[in-house]
Amino acid sequence: MKLVIQIPAWNEEESLGGTLEALPREVPGFDRVEVLVIDDGSTDRTREVAAEHGARVLAMPGHRGLAMSFAAGLRESLRMGADVIVNTDADNQYDASCIPDLVAPILRGEADMVIGDRGVASLPHFSPTKRLLQSLGSWVVRKLSGTEVRDATSGFRAISRAAATRLHVFTRFTYTLETILQAGEAGLRVVSVPIRVNEGPQRPSRLFRSNLGYVVRSLESMARVVVLYNPLRVFLRLGTLPILAGLLLLLRFLYLSLGGDGGHLQSLILAVVLVVVGVQIAVVGLVADLIAVNRRLVEELLEAQRDRSGDD
């Protein structure tokens, strides 16, 4: 059994060394533990620091962002023959001694993906606003994904090989929410385990400049994944609204006309327009569903290809 610990890094020369030194060299249940640093186009000594600490380095062709680095790391970890992949941050935010707890549910066959729960409500370096937004976001993700994840934005997570072959990152913003939604839609078992974070000052996030910007980008990512995996359900529900409104207006028109109250032609026209719009939205859902079926077939081919590349 091989464990690969992957670390996406962008200009992290100051903190990366400490992060790598804290990683365990042996983890119960694994014969080998290897470390992979994904250098996301750093302009400092990130790559050199990783190599000096014995980590394997995957250099991205320029700065592509956290989500793309995470996805590239999954692909490279699979090529390295990983049976389980642990993702952690380069800023040494997470306590590396929790890695055995993180991988334990996968080793016991109880989970395909394990998310480290930081206990957001009690984190001292989170402002009250950020705690509220994090808790609300995790609640939304739980409802959409059908999982019980308590800390959806945590980047400290373990992923089985089978789950890694089925994850496809489409956004360029952050992988955290999207991969949980994907896992829920794919029927993968996702669980949370409590983990610890390291004390000390935390650098500001590089993903967003304000809480509002983070919320907007996160909602965009969640909407994209939900529509991508359930287009027929989404568009049928959206199309039902104008159809029902149009039918109610049509019934009103018929009722008034049979009662001898003439006119109300505007209601009839609006009713027809609403029904036509609703039907068009439903048709879009059908077309999108056919596209989604084709996408799932492509994903299955990619999964098979990833499995073969890992076995080589």
Protein backbone atom coordinates (compact mmCIF):
# COMPACT_ATOMS: atom_id res chain seq x y z
CA MET A 1 0.00 0.00 0.00
CA LYS A 2 1.33 3.40 -0.98
CA LEU A 3 0.31 6.76 0.47
CA VAL A 4 1.09 9.91 -1.50
CA ILE A 5 0.87 13.23 0.33
CA GLN A 6 0.37 15.99 -2.20
CA ILE A 7 0.94 19.68 -1.51
CA PRO A 8 -0.09 22.38 -4.02
CA ALA A 9 2.30 25.32 -3.56
CA TRP A 10 2.66 28.78 -5.03
CA ASN A 11 5.47 31.00 -3.72
CA GLU A 12 5.62 29.13 -0.40
CA GLU A 13 9.38 29.00 0.20
CA GLU A 14 9.02 30.49 3.70
CA SER A 15 6.53 27.93 5.04
CA LEU A 16 7.02 24.89 2.80
CA GLY A 17 10.12 23.63 4.61
CA GLY A 18 8.35 23.46 7.95
CA THR A 19 5.34 21.79 6.34
CA LEU A 20 7.51 19.08 4.78
CA GLU A 21 9.49 18.48 7.96
CA ALA A 22 6.28 17.91 9.92
CA LEU A 23 5.00 15.21 7.57
CA PRO A 24 5.16 11.62 8.87
CA ARG A 25 7.59 9.31 7.14
CA GLU A 26 5.59 6.25 8.18
CA VAL A 27 1.82 5.87 8.47
CA PRO A 28 0.14 2.72 9.84
CA GLY A 29 -1.41 0.64 7.08
CA PHE A 30 1.05 1.74 4.37
CA ASP A 31 4.29 0.22 3.18
CA ARG A 32 5.47 3.43 1.53
CA VAL A 33 4.84 7.14 2.05
CA GLU A 34 5.87 9.58 -0.68
CA VAL A 35 5.50 13.35 -0.90
CA LEU A 36 4.53 15.28 -4.03
CA VAL A 37 4.77 19.07 -4.25
CA ILE A 38 2.87 20.69 -7.11
CA ASP A 39 4.73 23.90 -7.94
CA ASP A 40 2.13 26.25 -9.40
CA GLY A 41 4.48 28.51 -11.33
CA SER A 42 6.29 29.87 -8.29
CA THR A 43 8.77 32.72 -8.77
CA ASP A 44 10.62 32.11 -5.49
CA ARG A 45 12.54 29.04 -4.23
CA THR A 46 9.48 26.84 -3.66
CA ARG A 47 10.71 24.20 -6.08
CA GLU A 48 14.22 24.15 -4.62
CA VAL A 49 12.93 23.91 -1.04
CA ALA A 50 10.74 20.95 -1.99
CA ALA A 51 13.64 19.14 -3.65
CA GLU A 52 15.96 19.83 -0.71
CA HIS A 53 13.49 18.08 1.59
CA GLY A 54 13.28 15.00 -0.65
CA ALA A 55 9.87 15.68 -2.15
CA ARG A 56 9.00 14.88 -5.71
CA VAL A 57 8.17 18.07 -7.63
CA LEU A 58 5.56 18.46 -10.34
CA ALA A 59 6.05 21.79 -12.09
CA MET A 60 2.97 23.42 -13.58
CA PRO A 61 3.41 25.34 -16.86
CA GLY A 62 2.87 28.74 -15.29
CA HIS A 63 0.53 29.84 -12.52
CA ARG A 64 -2.73 27.95 -13.07
CA GLY A 65 -4.43 28.33 -9.69
CA LEU A 66 -5.17 26.09 -6.72
CA ALA A 67 -7.90 24.01 -8.37
CA MET A 68 -5.76 23.11 -11.39
CA SER A 69 -2.78 22.31 -9.16
CA PHE A 70 -4.92 20.02 -7.02
CA ALA A 71 -6.24 18.20 -10.10
CA ALA A 72 -2.75 17.85 -11.57
CA GLY A 73 -1.57 16.46 -8.24
CA LEU A 74 -4.29 13.80 -8.26
CA ARG A 75 -3.28 12.69 -11.75
CA GLU A 76 0.40 12.55 -10.86
CA SER A 77 -0.30 10.73 -7.58
CA LEU A 78 -2.24 8.08 -9.49
CA ARG A 79 0.67 7.70 -11.92
CA MET A 80 2.93 7.25 -8.88
CA GLY A 81 0.78 4.28 -7.88
CA ALA A 82 -0.96 5.84 -4.89
CA ASP A 83 -3.56 3.73 -3.13
CA VAL A 84 -4.57 6.69 -0.98
CA ILE A 85 -3.86 10.39 -1.55
CA VAL A 86 -3.72 12.97 1.22
CA ASN A 87 -3.94 16.62 0.25
CA THR A 88 -2.64 19.30 2.59
CA ASP A 89 -1.72 22.99 2.35
CA ALA A 90 1.80 24.34 1.96
CA ASP A 91 1.34 27.00 4.65
CA ASN A 92 1.48 24.40 7.45
CA GLN A 93 -2.06 25.21 8.56
CA TYR A 94 -2.97 21.60 9.30
CA ASP A 95 -1.41 19.38 11.95
CA ALA A 96 0.35 16.63 9.98
CA SER A 97 0.17 14.25 12.94
CA CYS A 98 -3.56 13.89 12.14
CA ILE A 99 -2.83 12.11 8.84
CA PRO A 100 -3.25 8.60 10.38
CA ASP A 101 -6.71 9.65 11.64
CA LEU A 102 -7.53 11.07 8.23
CA VAL A 103 -6.74 7.88 6.28
CA ALA A 104 -8.15 5.45 8.85
CA PRO A 105 -11.77 5.39 7.53
CA ILE A 106 -10.47 4.57 4.04
CA LEU A 107 -8.25 1.78 5.34
CA ARG A 108 -11.22 0.34 7.24
CA GLY A 109 -13.29 0.41 4.04
CA GLU A 110 -15.77 2.89 5.52
CA ALA A 111 -15.14 5.86 3.22
CA ASP A 112 -13.91 6.90 -0.21
CA MET A 113 -13.13 10.48 0.80
CA VAL A 114 -12.37 11.89 4.24
CA ILE A 115 -12.53 15.60 5.01
CA GLY A 116 -10.64 17.01 8.00
CA ASP A 117 -12.97 19.00 10.25
CA ARG A 118 -11.15 21.98 11.77
CA GLY A 119 -14.04 22.89 14.05
CA VAL A 120 -14.59 26.19 12.28
CA ALA A 121 -16.86 27.57 14.99
CA SER A 122 -13.99 27.55 17.49
CA LEU A 123 -11.07 28.68 15.32
CA PRO A 124 -9.60 31.79 16.99
CA HIS A 125 -8.11 33.28 13.79
CA PHE A 126 -11.50 33.24 12.00
CA SER A 127 -13.62 36.37 12.33
CA PRO A 128 -17.28 35.94 13.38
CA THR A 129 -18.35 36.77 9.82
CA LYS A 130 -16.03 34.15 8.34
CA ARG A 131 -17.19 31.53 10.84
CA LEU A 132 -20.81 32.22 9.91
CA LEU A 133 -20.11 32.06 6.18
CA GLN A 134 -18.08 28.86 6.52
CA SER A 135 -20.81 27.18 8.57
CA LEU A 136 -23.54 28.31 6.17
CA GLY A 137 -21.53 27.17 3.16
CA SER A 138 -20.93 23.74 4.67
CA TRP A 139 -24.67 23.42 5.39
CA VAL A 140 -25.50 24.22 1.75
CA VAL A 141 -22.93 21.69 0.52
CA ARG A 142 -24.36 19.03 2.83
CA LYS A 143 -27.84 19.59 1.45
CA LEU A 144 -26.73 19.59 -2.18
CA SER A 145 -24.34 16.65 -1.93
CA GLY A 146 -26.29 14.45 0.50
CA THR A 147 -23.19 14.08 2.68
CA GLU A 148 -22.51 14.93 6.32
CA VAL A 149 -19.40 17.03 5.76
CA ARG A 150 -18.94 19.53 8.60
CA ASP A 151 -16.09 21.61 7.13
CA ALA A 152 -16.58 21.75 3.38
CA THR A 153 -13.76 24.23 2.70
CA SER A 154 -11.09 22.20 4.46
CA GLY A 155 -8.22 21.32 2.14
CA PHE A 156 -6.93 18.61 4.49
CA ARG A 157 -8.47 15.47 3.05
CA ALA A 158 -7.77 11.86 2.14
CA ILE A 159 -8.99 10.30 -1.09
CA SER A 160 -8.96 6.65 -2.09
CA ARG A 161 -7.56 5.65 -5.46
CA ALA A 162 -10.99 4.67 -6.74
CA ALA A 163 -12.44 8.05 -5.74
CA ALA A 164 -9.50 9.98 -7.22
CA THR A 165 -10.08 8.42 -10.63
CA ARG A 166 -13.67 9.73 -10.58
CA LEU A 167 -12.98 13.33 -9.56
CA HIS A 168 -12.79 15.94 -12.30
CA VAL A 169 -12.13 19.57 -11.42
CA PHE A 170 -13.79 22.02 -13.81
CA THR A 171 -13.48 25.29 -11.90
CA ARG A 172 -10.29 27.36 -11.72
CA PHE A 173 -11.23 28.79 -8.32
CA THR A 174 -11.07 26.10 -5.62
CA TYR A 175 -11.53 22.36 -5.61
CA THR A 176 -12.90 22.00 -2.05
CA LEU A 177 -16.62 22.44 -2.65
CA GLU A 178 -16.71 21.04 -6.16
CA THR A 179 -15.10 17.71 -5.30
CA ILE A 180 -17.50 17.11 -2.39
CA LEU A 181 -20.50 17.81 -4.63
CA GLN A 182 -19.07 15.52 -7.29
CA ALA A 183 -18.47 12.77 -4.75
CA GLY A 184 -22.04 13.05 -3.50
CA GLU A 185 -23.45 12.91 -7.02
CA ALA A 186 -21.24 9.89 -7.82
CA GLY A 187 -22.43 8.01 -4.74
CA LEU A 188 -19.01 8.01 -3.09
CA ARG A 189 -18.86 7.70 0.69
CA VAL A 190 -17.70 10.97 2.22
CA VAL A 191 -17.08 11.33 5.95
CA SER A 192 -15.53 13.90 8.29
CA VAL A 193 -13.01 13.38 11.06
CA PRO A 194 -11.89 16.01 13.57
CA ILE A 195 -8.39 17.33 12.98
CA ARG A 196 -6.16 19.92 14.59
CA VAL A 197 -4.68 23.07 13.11
CA ASN A 198 -1.32 24.53 14.00
CA GLU A 199 -1.22 27.59 16.18
CA GLY A 200 0.36 30.81 15.04
CA PRO A 201 -0.46 33.58 12.58
CA GLN A 202 -2.19 32.54 9.40
CA ARG A 203 -1.42 34.41 6.21
CA PRO A 204 -4.39 35.98 4.39
CA SER A 205 -6.10 33.79 1.84
CA ARG A 206 -4.89 34.17 -1.74
CA LEU A 207 -8.12 32.89 -3.24
CA PHE A 208 -10.28 35.94 -2.53
CA ARG A 209 -9.95 39.51 -1.37
CA SER A 210 -13.25 39.74 0.49
CA ASN A 211 -15.86 37.47 2.08
CA LEU A 212 -18.43 38.65 -0.47
CA GLY A 213 -16.15 37.69 -3.34
CA TYR A 214 -15.62 34.26 -1.83
CA VAL A 215 -19.36 33.71 -1.41
CA VAL A 216 -20.10 34.72 -5.00
CA ARG A 217 -17.38 32.52 -6.47
CA SER A 218 -18.41 29.59 -4.28
CA LEU A 219 -22.06 29.89 -5.32
CA GLU A 220 -20.97 29.93 -8.96
CA SER A 221 -18.95 26.75 -8.47
CA MET A 222 -21.78 24.95 -6.66
CA ALA A 223 -24.36 25.97 -9.27
CA ARG A 224 -22.09 24.75 -12.06
CA VAL A 225 -21.62 21.32 -10.51
CA VAL A 226 -25.30 20.86 -9.64
CA VAL A 227 -26.39 21.76 -13.16
CA LEU A 228 -23.59 19.69 -14.68
CA TYR A 229 -24.60 16.51 -12.88
CA ASN A 230 -28.38 16.98 -12.70
CA PRO A 231 -29.38 19.10 -15.70
CA LEU A 232 -32.69 17.36 -16.31
CA ARG A 233 -33.87 17.73 -12.72
CA VAL A 234 -32.78 21.37 -12.54
CA PHE A 235 -34.25 22.49 -15.85
CA LEU A 236 -37.48 20.53 -15.41
CA ARG A 237 -38.05 22.24 -12.09
CA LEU A 238 -37.24 25.63 -13.57
CA GLY A 239 -39.51 24.96 -16.54
CA THR A 240 -42.37 23.85 -14.31
CA LEU A 241 -42.70 27.32 -12.78
CA PRO A 242 -43.65 29.25 -15.95
CA ILE A 243 -45.78 26.33 -17.16
CA LEU A 244 -47.83 26.31 -13.96
CA ALA A 245 -48.14 30.09 -14.04
CA GLY A 246 -49.29 29.93 -17.65
CA LEU A 247 -51.85 27.22 -16.91
CA LEU A 248 -53.28 29.25 -14.03
CA LEU A 249 -53.65 32.27 -16.28
CA LEU A 250 -55.27 30.09 -18.94
CA LEU A 251 -57.77 28.70 -16.42
CA ARG A 252 -58.51 32.24 -15.29
CA PHE A 253 -59.12 33.31 -18.88
CA LEU A 254 -61.46 30.36 -19.52
CA TYR A 255 -63.35 30.96 -16.28
CA LEU A 256 -63.91 34.61 -17.04
CA SER A 257 -64.81 33.90 -20.68
CA LEU A 258 -67.38 31.22 -19.75
CA GLY A 259 -68.85 33.63 -17.22
CA GLY A 260 -69.58 36.09 -19.93
CA ASP A 261 -66.83 38.50 -18.96
CA GLY A 262 -65.23 39.20 -22.33
CA GLY A 263 -61.79 40.57 -23.02
CA HIS A 264 -58.76 39.58 -20.99
CA LEU A 265 -56.90 38.70 -24.17
CA GLN A 266 -53.67 39.83 -22.52
CA SER A 267 -54.01 36.99 -19.99
CA LEU A 268 -54.35 34.47 -22.80
CA ILE A 269 -51.28 35.81 -24.61
CA LEU A 270 -49.21 35.84 -21.42
CA ALA A 271 -50.36 32.31 -20.58
CA VAL A 272 -49.25 31.01 -23.97
CA VAL A 273 -45.90 32.78 -23.69
CA LEU A 274 -45.26 31.33 -20.22
CA VAL A 275 -46.14 27.80 -21.29
CA VAL A 276 -43.92 28.06 -24.38
CA VAL A 277 -41.01 29.38 -22.27
CA GLY A 278 -41.48 26.58 -19.75
CA VAL A 279 -41.49 23.93 -22.47
CA GLN A 280 -38.34 25.42 -24.00
CA ILE A 281 -36.57 25.29 -20.63
CA ALA A 282 -37.60 21.64 -20.25
CA VAL A 283 -36.27 20.87 -23.74
CA VAL A 284 -32.96 22.50 -22.79
CA GLY A 285 -32.91 20.15 -19.80
CA LEU A 286 -33.41 17.13 -22.05
CA VAL A 287 -30.59 18.22 -24.36
CA ALA A 288 -28.32 18.95 -21.38
CA ASP A 289 -29.12 15.52 -19.95
CA LEU A 290 -28.04 13.86 -23.19
CA ILE A 291 -24.80 15.85 -23.04
CA ALA A 292 -24.36 14.79 -19.41
CA VAL A 293 -24.73 11.13 -20.42
CA ASN A 294 -21.98 11.61 -23.00
CA ARG A 295 -19.82 13.36 -20.39
CA ARG A 296 -20.26 10.42 -18.00
CA LEU A 297 -19.10 8.04 -20.72
CA VAL A 298 -16.01 10.20 -21.26
CA GLU A 299 -15.37 10.24 -17.51
CA GLU A 300 -15.55 6.44 -17.41
CA LEU A 301 -12.94 6.29 -20.19
CA LEU A 302 -10.73 8.70 -18.25
CA GLU A 303 -11.13 6.59 -15.10
CA ALA A 304 -10.04 3.48 -16.99
CA GLN A 305 -7.10 5.38 -18.48
CA ARG A 306 -6.01 6.65 -15.05
CA ASP A 307 -6.19 3.12 -13.65
CA ARG A 308 -4.01 1.81 -16.47
CA SER A 309 -1.47 4.63 -16.08
CA GLY A 310 -1.19 3.89 -12.36
CA ASP A 311 -0.61 0.20 -13.00
CA ASP A 312 2.19 0.81 -15.49
